[in-house]
PDB file of N, CA and C in Angstrom:
ATOM      1  N   MET A   1     142.194  62.647 168.917  1.00  0.00           N
ATOM      2  CA  MET A   1     142.196  64.124 168.069  1.00  0.00           C
ATOM      3  C   MET A   1     141.669  63.684 166.906  1.00  0.00           C
ATOM      4  N   THR A   2     140.953  65.181 166.085  1.00  0.00           N
ATOM      5  CA  THR A   2     140.139  65.114 165.720  1.00  0.00           C
ATOM      6  C   THR A   2     141.536  65.536 164.153  1.00  0.00           C
ATOM      7  N   GLU A   3     140.266  64.613 163.002  1.00  0.00           N
ATOM      8  CA  GLU A   3     140.870  64.362 161.764  1.00  0.00           C
ATOM      9  C   GLU A   3     141.005  65.176 160.345  1.00  0.00           C
ATOM     10  N   ILE A   4     141.616  65.391 159.778  1.00  0.00           N
ATOM     11  CA  ILE A   4     142.268  67.355 159.242  1.00  0.00           C
ATOM     12  C   ILE A   4     141.895  67.129 157.648  1.00  0.00           C
ATOM     13  N   HIS A   5     141.395  67.324 156.562  1.00  0.00           N
ATOM     14  CA  HIS A   5     141.635  66.696 155.591  1.00  0.00           C
ATOM     15  C   HIS A   5     141.603  67.990 154.564  1.00  0.00           C
ATOM     16  N   CYS A   6     142.049  67.840 153.794  1.00  0.00           N
ATOM     17  CA  CYS A   6     142.322  69.381 152.275  1.00  0.00           C
ATOM     18  C   CYS A   6     141.212  69.370 151.669  1.00  0.00           C
ATOM     19  N   HIS A   7     140.293  70.822 151.665  1.00  0.00           N
ATOM     20  CA  HIS A   7     139.490  70.696 150.683  1.00  0.00           C
ATOM     21  C   HIS A   7     140.382  70.476 149.259  1.00  0.00           C
ATOM     22  N   THR A   8     140.955  70.566 149.314  1.00  0.00           N
ATOM     23  CA  THR A   8     141.798  70.252 147.224  1.00  0.00           C
ATOM     24  C   THR A   8     142.037  69.238 146.834  1.00  0.00           C
ATOM     25  N   CYS A   9     142.549  67.997 147.843  1.00  0.00           N
ATOM     26  CA  CYS A   9     142.867  66.260 147.502  1.00  0.00           C
ATOM     27  C   CYS A   9     141.910  65.596 148.416  1.00  0.00           C
ATOM     28  N   GLY A  10     142.025  65.938 149.428  1.00  0.00           N
ATOM     29  CA  GLY A  10     140.648  65.794 150.435  1.00  0.00           C
ATOM     30  C   GLY A  10     141.621  63.731 151.170  1.00  0.00           C
ATOM     31  N   GLY A  11     142.987  64.904 150.905  1.00  0.00           N
ATOM     32  CA  GLY A  11     143.929  63.580 152.188  1.00  0.00           C
ATOM     33  C   GLY A  11     143.556  64.250 153.306  1.00  0.00           C
ATOM     34  N   PHE A  12     144.418  63.590 153.526  1.00  0.00           N
ATOM     35  CA  PHE A  12     144.713  63.642 155.523  1.00  0.00           C
ATOM     36  C   PHE A  12     145.575  64.713 155.142  1.00  0.00           C
ATOM     37  N   ILE A  13     145.704  65.458 157.036  1.00  0.00           N
ATOM     38  CA  ILE A  13     146.836  66.645 157.036  1.00  0.00           C
ATOM     39  C   ILE A  13     147.786  66.117 158.308  1.00  0.00           C
ATOM     40  N   THR A  14     148.311  65.951 157.607  1.00  0.00           N
ATOM     41  CA  THR A  14     149.704  65.796 159.262  1.00  0.00           C
ATOM     42  C   THR A  14     150.199  66.305 159.685  1.00  0.00           C
ATOM     43  N   ASP A  15     150.083  67.873 159.124  1.00  0.00           N
ATOM     44  CA  ASP A  15     151.031  68.966 159.885  1.00  0.00           C
ATOM     45  C   ASP A  15     150.018  70.554 159.641  1.00  0.00           C
ATOM     46  N   PRO A  16     148.986  70.033 160.943  1.00  0.00           N
ATOM     47  CA  PRO A  16     147.982  70.933 160.816  1.00  0.00           C
ATOM     48  C   PRO A  16     148.475  72.462 160.577  1.00  0.00           C
ATOM     49  N   THR A  17     150.242  72.827 160.846  1.00  0.00           N
ATOM     50  CA  THR A  17     150.374  74.520 160.871  1.00  0.00           C
ATOM     51  C   THR A  17     151.183  74.703 159.437  1.00  0.00           C
ATOM     52  N   THR A  18     151.033  73.754 158.669  1.00  0.00           N
ATOM     53  CA  THR A  18     150.914  73.880 157.084  1.00  0.00           C
ATOM     54  C   THR A  18     150.135  74.674 155.944  1.00  0.00           C
ATOM     55  N   VAL A  19     148.826  74.821 157.026  1.00  0.00           N
ATOM     56  CA  VAL A  19     146.920  74.635 156.470  1.00  0.00           C
ATOM     57  C   VAL A  19     147.484  76.308 156.034  1.00  0.00           C
ATOM     58  N   SER A  20     146.655  76.462 155.075  1.00  0.00           N
ATOM     59  CA  SER A  20     146.416  77.635 154.246  1.00  0.00           C
ATOM     60  C   SER A  20     144.818  77.589 154.796  1.00  0.00           C
ATOM     61  N   HIS A  21     144.485  78.821 155.648  1.00  0.00           N
ATOM     62  CA  HIS A  21     143.021  78.482 155.492  1.00  0.00           C
ATOM     63  C   HIS A  21     142.546  80.203 154.494  1.00  0.00           C
ATOM     64  N   ARG A  22     141.027  79.815 154.219  1.00  0.00           N
ATOM     65  CA  ARG A  22     141.019  81.056 152.753  1.00  0.00           C
ATOM     66  C   ARG A  22     139.198  80.736 152.669  1.00  0.00           C
ATOM     67  N   LEU A  23     138.383  81.660 152.951  1.00  0.00           N
ATOM     68  CA  LEU A  23     137.288  81.841 152.231  1.00  0.00           C
ATOM     69  C   LEU A  23     136.703  81.272 150.580  1.00  0.00           C
ATOM     70  N   PRO A  24     135.608  80.100 151.088  1.00  0.00           N
ATOM     71  CA  PRO A  24     135.560  79.728 149.871  1.00  0.00           C
ATOM     72  C   PRO A  24     134.390  80.615 149.105  1.00  0.00           C
ATOM     73  N   ASP A  25     134.721  80.619 147.644  1.00  0.00           N
ATOM     74  CA  ASP A  25     133.892  81.761 147.160  1.00  0.00           C
ATOM     75  C   ASP A  25     132.800  80.630 145.888  1.00  0.00           C
ATOM     76  N   GLY A  26     132.404  81.441 144.828  1.00  0.00           N
ATOM     77  CA  GLY A  26     131.188  80.267 144.593  1.00  0.00           C
ATOM     78  C   GLY A  26     131.142  79.712 143.382  1.00  0.00           C
ATOM     79  N   THR A  27     132.791  79.250 142.781  1.00  0.00           N
ATOM     80  CA  THR A  27     133.051  78.273 142.623  1.00  0.00           C
ATOM     81  C   THR A  27     133.902  77.551 143.265  1.00  0.00           C
ATOM     82  N   VAL A  28     133.478  77.582 144.580  1.00  0.00           N
ATOM     83  CA  VAL A  28     134.749  75.994 145.612  1.00  0.00           C
ATOM     84  C   VAL A  28     134.009  74.651 145.529  1.00  0.00           C
ATOM     85  N   VAL A  29     134.641  73.854 144.977  1.00  0.00           N
ATOM     86  CA  VAL A  29     133.866  72.600 145.046  1.00  0.00           C
ATOM     87  C   VAL A  29     135.482  71.615 145.978  1.00  0.00           C
ATOM     88  N   VAL A  30     134.475  70.985 147.030  1.00  0.00           N
ATOM     89  CA  VAL A  30     135.309  70.176 148.194  1.00  0.00           C
ATOM     90  C   VAL A  30     135.318  69.677 147.925  1.00  0.00           C
ATOM     91  N   ALA A  31     137.324  68.560 147.962  1.00  0.00           N
ATOM     92  CA  ALA A  31     137.102  67.547 147.422  1.00  0.00           C
ATOM     93  C   ALA A  31     136.201  65.879 148.501  1.00  0.00           C
ATOM     94  N   ALA A  32     136.340  65.679 148.443  1.00  0.00           N
ATOM     95  CA  ALA A  32     135.820  64.948 150.022  1.00  0.00           C
ATOM     96  C   ALA A  32     136.903  63.816 149.950  1.00  0.00           C
ATOM     97  N   PRO A  33     136.736  63.190 151.148  1.00  0.00           N
ATOM     98  CA  PRO A  33     138.113  63.058 151.959  1.00  0.00           C
ATOM     99  C   PRO A  33     138.267  61.413 151.504  1.00  0.00           C
ATOM    100  N   HIS A  34     139.841  61.010 152.210  1.00  0.00           N
ATOM    101  CA  HIS A  34     139.557  60.074 151.708  1.00  0.00           C
ATOM    102  C   HIS A  34     141.365  59.812 152.764  1.00  0.00           C
ATOM    103  N   THR A  35     141.449  58.446 153.148  1.00  0.00           N
ATOM    104  CA  THR A  35     143.184  58.510 154.208  1.00  0.00           C
ATOM    105  C   THR A  35     143.631  58.231 153.579  1.00  0.00           C
ATOM    106  N   GLY A  36     144.049  58.908 152.717  1.00  0.00           N
ATOM    107  CA  GLY A  36     145.269  58.988 151.663  1.00  0.00           C
ATOM    108  C   GLY A  36     145.954  59.328 152.769  1.00  0.00           C
ATOM    109  N   LEU A  37     147.255  60.685 152.254  1.00  0.00           N
ATOM    110  CA  LEU A  37     147.709  62.457 152.608  1.00  0.00           C
ATOM    111  C   LEU A  37     147.541  62.396 152.129  1.00  0.00           C
ATOM    112  N   CYS A  38     147.903  64.027 151.962  1.00  0.00           N
ATOM    113  CA  CYS A  38     147.559  65.469 151.609  1.00  0.00           C
ATOM    114  C   CYS A  38     149.081  65.858 150.903  1.00  0.00           C
ATOM    115  N   GLY A  39     149.322  66.196 149.573  1.00  0.00           N
ATOM    116  CA  GLY A  39     150.426  66.551 148.508  1.00  0.00           C
ATOM    117  C   GLY A  39     150.115  67.645 148.609  1.00  0.00           C
ATOM    118  N   CYS A  40     149.615  68.256 148.708  1.00  0.00           N
ATOM    119  CA  CYS A  40     149.528  70.100 148.872  1.00  0.00           C
ATOM    120  C   CYS A  40     150.442  70.699 148.964  1.00  0.00           C
ATOM    121  N   ALA A  41     150.680  72.105 149.116  1.00  0.00           N
ATOM    122  CA  ALA A  41     151.717  72.795 149.478  1.00  0.00           C
ATOM    123  C   ALA A  41     151.157  74.471 149.136  1.00  0.00           C
ATOM    124  N   PRO A  42     150.648  74.685 150.173  1.00  0.00           N
ATOM    125  CA  PRO A  42     150.284  74.685 151.106  1.00  0.00           C
ATOM    126  C   PRO A  42     148.173  73.947 151.155  1.00  0.00           C
ATOM    127  N   ALA A  43     148.587  73.012 151.976  1.00  0.00           N
ATOM    128  CA  ALA A  43     147.266  72.707 152.319  1.00  0.00           C
ATOM    129  C   ALA A  43     145.517  73.492 152.321  1.00  0.00           C
ATOM    130  N   ILE A  44     145.306  73.059 151.872  1.00  0.00           N
ATOM    131  CA  ILE A  44     143.629  74.035 152.291  1.00  0.00           C
ATOM    132  C   ILE A  44     142.140  73.878 152.478  1.00  0.00           C
ATOM    133  N   ILE A  45     142.689  74.551 153.957  1.00  0.00           N
ATOM    134  CA  ILE A  45     140.980  74.770 154.056  1.00  0.00           C
ATOM    135  C   ILE A  45     139.790  75.612 153.933  1.00  0.00           C
ATOM    136  N   TYR A  46     138.703  75.101 154.032  1.00  0.00           N
ATOM    137  CA  TYR A  46     137.845  77.287 153.749  1.00  0.00           C
ATOM    138  C   TYR A  46     137.272  76.669 154.709  1.00  0.00           C
ATOM    139  N   GLY A  47     137.144  77.914 155.758  1.00  0.00           N
ATOM    140  CA  GLY A  47     136.740  78.034 156.548  1.00  0.00           C
ATOM    141  C   GLY A  47     137.529  79.106 157.761  1.00  0.00           C
ATOM    142  N   PRO A  48     137.154  79.377 158.926  1.00  0.00           N
ATOM    143  CA  PRO A  48     138.429  79.942 159.146  1.00  0.00           C
ATOM    144  C   PRO A  48     139.134  79.188 160.425  1.00  0.00           C
ATOM    145  N   PRO A  49     140.297  79.869 161.582  1.00  0.00           N
ATOM    146  CA  PRO A  49     140.566  79.036 162.260  1.00  0.00           C
ATOM    147  C   PRO A  49     140.466  78.916 162.877  1.00  0.00           C
ATOM    148  N   ALA A  50     140.909  76.929 163.284  1.00  0.00           N
ATOM    149  CA  ALA A  50     140.427  76.700 163.999  1.00  0.00           C
ATOM    150  C   ALA A  50     140.758  77.406 165.771  1.00  0.00           C
ATOM    151  N   GLY A  51     139.587  78.073 166.751  1.00  0.00           N
ATOM    152  CA  GLY A  51     139.658  78.603 167.470  1.00  0.00           C
ATOM    153  C   GLY A  51     138.824  80.183 167.232  1.00  0.00           C
ATOM    154  N   HIS A  52     139.516  80.963 166.460  1.00  0.00           N
ATOM    155  CA  HIS A  52     137.967  82.072 165.808  1.00  0.00           C
ATOM    156  C   HIS A  52     136.968  81.732 165.941  1.00  0.00           C
ATOM    157  N   MET A  53     136.128  83.689 167.007  1.00  0.00           N
ATOM    158  CA  MET A  53     135.181  82.819 166.571  1.00  0.00           C
ATOM    159  C   MET A  53     134.125  83.507 165.503  1.00  0.00           C
ATOM    160  N   SER A  54     133.886  84.221 164.611  1.00  0.00           N
ATOM    161  CA  SER A  54     134.188  84.582 163.449  1.00  0.00           C
ATOM    162  C   SER A  54     134.424  84.738 162.136  1.00  0.00           C
ATOM    163  N   TRP A  55     133.913  85.119 161.146  1.00  0.00           N
ATOM    164  CA  TRP A  55     134.531  85.387 160.269  1.00  0.00           C
ATOM    165  C   TRP A  55     134.901  86.761 160.304  1.00  0.00           C
ATOM    166  N   PRO A  56     136.097  86.720 159.100  1.00  0.00           N
ATOM    167  CA  PRO A  56     135.742  88.945 158.820  1.00  0.00           C
ATOM    168  C   PRO A  56     134.537  89.078 158.138  1.00  0.00           C
ATOM    169  N   GLY A  57     133.734  90.445 157.952  1.00  0.00           N
ATOM    170  CA  GLY A  57     133.290  91.039 157.705  1.00  0.00           C
ATOM    171  C   GLY A  57     131.973  89.853 157.893  1.00  0.00           C
ATOM    172  N   LEU A  58     131.589  89.486 158.780  1.00  0.00           N
ATOM    173  CA  LEU A  58     130.097  89.352 159.129  1.00  0.00           C
ATOM    174  C   LEU A  58     129.354  89.407 160.242  1.00  0.00           C
ATOM    175  N   PRO A  59     128.332  90.111 159.952  1.00  0.00           N
ATOM    176  CA  PRO A  59     127.829  91.801 160.978  1.00  0.00           C
ATOM    177  C   PRO A  59     128.008  90.689 162.248  1.00  0.00           C
ATOM    178  N   ARG A  60     128.353  91.744 163.572  1.00  0.00           N
ATOM    179  CA  ARG A  60     128.074  91.840 164.893  1.00  0.00           C
ATOM    180  C   ARG A  60     127.099  91.966 165.531  1.00  0.00           C
ATOM    181  N   ALA A  61     126.939  90.152 166.669  1.00  0.00           N
ATOM    182  CA  ALA A  61     125.547  90.207 166.827  1.00  0.00           C
ATOM    183  C   ALA A  61     125.223  92.100 167.936  1.00  0.00           C
ATOM    184  N   ILE A  62     123.919  91.913 168.282  1.00  0.00           N
ATOM    185  CA  ILE A  62     123.748  94.088 168.650  1.00  0.00           C
ATOM    186  C   ILE A  62     122.912  92.778 169.883  1.00  0.00           C
ATOM    187  N   VAL A  63     123.256  93.123 170.962  1.00  0.00           N
ATOM    188  CA  VAL A  63     122.580  92.579 172.048  1.00  0.00           C
ATOM    189  C   VAL A  63     122.589  93.470 172.628  1.00  0.00           C
ATOM    190  N   PRO A  64     121.422  94.391 173.359  1.00  0.00           N
ATOM    191  CA  PRO A  64     120.789  95.107 174.077  1.00  0.00           C
ATOM    192  C   PRO A  64     121.712  95.345 175.626  1.00  0.00           C
ATOM    193  N   ALA A  65     121.780  96.072 175.959  1.00  0.00           N
ATOM    194  CA  ALA A  65     122.842  97.014 177.036  1.00  0.00           C
ATOM    195  C   ALA A  65     121.682  95.817 178.574  1.00  0.00           C
ATOM    196  N   SER A  66     122.084  95.306 179.205  1.00  0.00           N
ATOM    197  CA  SER A  66     121.556  94.805 180.696  1.00  0.00           C
ATOM    198  C   SER A  66     120.511  95.902 181.114  1.00  0.00           C
ATOM    199  N   ARG A  67     119.663  95.892 181.801  1.00  0.00           N
ATOM    200  CA  ARG A  67     119.158  96.829 182.288  1.00  0.00           C
ATOM    201  C   ARG A  67     119.565  96.447 184.626  1.00  0.00           C
ATOM    202  N   THR A  68     120.046  96.067 184.837  1.00  0.00           N
ATOM    203  CA  THR A  68     120.605  96.975 186.548  1.00  0.00           C
ATOM    204  C   THR A  68     120.055  98.150 187.080  1.00  0.00           C
TER     205      THR A  68
END
């Protein structure tokens, strides 16, 4: 299983269902991961939730139609 660390405190997140996914702004400084537990409520991770293919607002790829 992949370890998930809070971007605010750097602690290990034991319950991924309590995570708040956010888009980073220019002032975000991500904490260095460590072996302690996260005590944040909610734990914050910058980026899309697992399983999402793209972020809102990203331009869509233009794929030309195939010639068959």
